[in-house]
Amino acid sequence: MQGRYLVCGLALAASAWPALAVEGDAEAAKGKISMCVGCHGIEGYRTTFPQVYSVPKLGGQHPEYIVAALQAYKAGERSHPTMQGVAGGLSDQDMADLAAYYSVAR
């Protein structure tokens, strides 16, 4: 019985992720990750400006989550100034490419 609830819960969680509007290309992202690896490529890294933030490692994240987070930074719905600046310069294709790369990177 518990297994059935787990399956239902996973199905609901999966349906909550928005579909990617653009197909990502992990190979194309290799030329775009330089703006990410300085913080997100360091295990246990924490920023100190504008306040202390634990910086998540991106490898293995769901691509839909990465795109949604980048879109939220670009729209000003998430409030880290550095990430708002980075995301502000990304196209939908850039976001999809980065998401494709980090979803398989470890």
Protein backbone atom coordinates (compact mmCIF):
# COMPACT_ATOMS: atom_id res chain seq x y z
CA MET A 1 0.00 0.00 0.00
CA GLN A 2 2.83 2.44 0.84
CA GLY A 3 4.42 1.76 -2.54
CA ARG A 4 1.26 2.93 -4.29
CA TYR A 5 1.37 6.23 -2.37
CA LEU A 6 5.03 6.68 -3.28
CA VAL A 7 4.28 6.12 -6.97
CA CYS A 8 1.37 8.58 -6.83
CA GLY A 9 3.53 11.13 -5.04
CA LEU A 10 6.31 10.80 -7.59
CA ALA A 11 3.83 11.16 -10.44
CA LEU A 12 2.43 14.34 -8.91
CA ALA A 13 5.91 15.75 -8.34
CA ALA A 14 6.93 15.01 -11.92
CA SER A 15 3.82 16.72 -13.28
CA ALA A 16 4.65 19.85 -11.27
CA TRP A 17 7.82 20.47 -13.33
CA PRO A 18 7.11 22.66 -16.34
CA ALA A 19 8.02 21.22 -19.72
CA LEU A 20 11.15 22.70 -21.23
CA ALA A 21 10.22 25.13 -23.99
CA VAL A 22 13.54 24.62 -25.77
CA GLU A 23 15.57 21.42 -26.23
CA GLY A 24 18.89 21.74 -24.41
CA ASP A 25 22.26 20.76 -25.86
CA ALA A 26 24.76 19.67 -23.20
CA GLU A 27 27.64 19.89 -25.68
CA ALA A 28 26.79 23.51 -26.56
CA ALA A 29 26.74 24.36 -22.85
CA LYS A 30 30.46 23.59 -22.51
CA GLY A 31 31.12 27.01 -24.02
CA LYS A 32 28.70 28.67 -21.59
CA ILE A 33 29.56 27.19 -18.19
CA SER A 34 32.45 29.52 -17.34
CA MET A 35 30.02 31.87 -15.59
CA CYS A 36 28.74 28.98 -13.43
CA VAL A 37 31.74 26.91 -12.38
CA GLY A 38 33.41 29.68 -10.37
CA CYS A 39 30.78 29.20 -7.65
CA HIS A 40 28.71 26.13 -8.46
CA GLY A 41 31.68 23.91 -9.23
CA ILE A 42 33.17 24.19 -5.75
CA GLU A 43 31.96 21.63 -3.19
CA GLY A 44 30.68 23.38 -0.05
CA TYR A 45 31.24 26.90 -1.41
CA ARG A 46 29.56 29.81 0.39
CA THR A 47 29.28 33.38 -0.83
CA THR A 48 29.75 36.34 1.48
CA PHE A 49 28.02 39.06 -0.52
CA PRO A 50 25.40 40.40 -0.17
CA GLN A 51 25.06 37.92 2.70
CA VAL A 52 26.26 34.39 3.37
CA TYR A 53 24.65 31.87 1.00
CA SER A 54 25.43 28.21 0.62
CA VAL A 55 25.98 27.72 -3.10
CA PRO A 56 24.39 24.52 -4.41
CA LYS A 57 26.33 22.15 -6.62
CA LEU A 58 24.39 21.97 -9.88
CA GLY A 59 25.50 18.57 -11.16
CA GLY A 60 22.65 16.07 -11.19
CA GLN A 61 19.84 18.61 -10.78
CA HIS A 62 16.65 18.17 -12.79
CA PRO A 63 16.87 20.28 -15.95
CA GLU A 64 13.37 21.68 -15.40
CA TYR A 65 14.42 22.94 -11.97
CA ILE A 66 17.53 24.65 -13.36
CA VAL A 67 15.53 26.39 -16.09
CA ALA A 68 12.80 27.44 -13.64
CA ALA A 69 15.38 28.84 -11.20
CA LEU A 70 17.20 30.76 -13.94
CA GLN A 71 13.92 32.16 -15.26
CA ALA A 72 12.95 33.25 -11.74
CA TYR A 73 16.31 35.05 -11.27
CA LYS A 74 15.92 36.72 -14.67
CA ALA A 75 12.38 37.88 -13.78
CA GLY A 76 13.53 39.19 -10.38
CA GLU A 77 11.43 36.61 -8.52
CA ARG A 78 14.55 35.20 -6.81
CA SER A 79 16.72 37.76 -5.11
CA HIS A 80 20.43 36.96 -5.40
CA PRO A 81 21.99 39.93 -7.26
CA THR A 82 24.82 37.94 -8.84
CA MET A 83 22.44 35.29 -10.13
CA GLN A 84 20.02 37.95 -11.36
CA GLY A 85 22.88 39.48 -13.35
CA VAL A 86 23.99 36.16 -14.80
CA ALA A 87 20.47 34.98 -15.64
CA GLY A 88 19.56 38.36 -17.10
CA GLY A 89 21.98 37.76 -19.94
CA LEU A 90 20.80 34.24 -20.75
CA SER A 91 18.47 33.32 -23.60
CA ASP A 92 15.96 30.47 -23.32
CA GLN A 93 18.39 28.37 -25.39
CA ASP A 94 21.28 29.18 -23.03
CA MET A 95 19.18 28.13 -20.04
CA ALA A 96 18.12 24.89 -21.70
CA ASP A 97 21.72 24.12 -22.70
CA LEU A 98 23.01 24.73 -19.17
CA ALA A 99 20.20 22.62 -17.72
CA ALA A 100 21.01 19.77 -20.11
CA TYR A 101 24.70 19.94 -19.17
CA TYR A 102 24.20 20.05 -15.41
CA SER A 103 21.50 17.41 -15.36
CA VAL A 104 24.11 14.82 -16.40
CA ALA A 105 27.24 16.39 -14.85
CA ARG A 106 28.35 15.19 -11.43
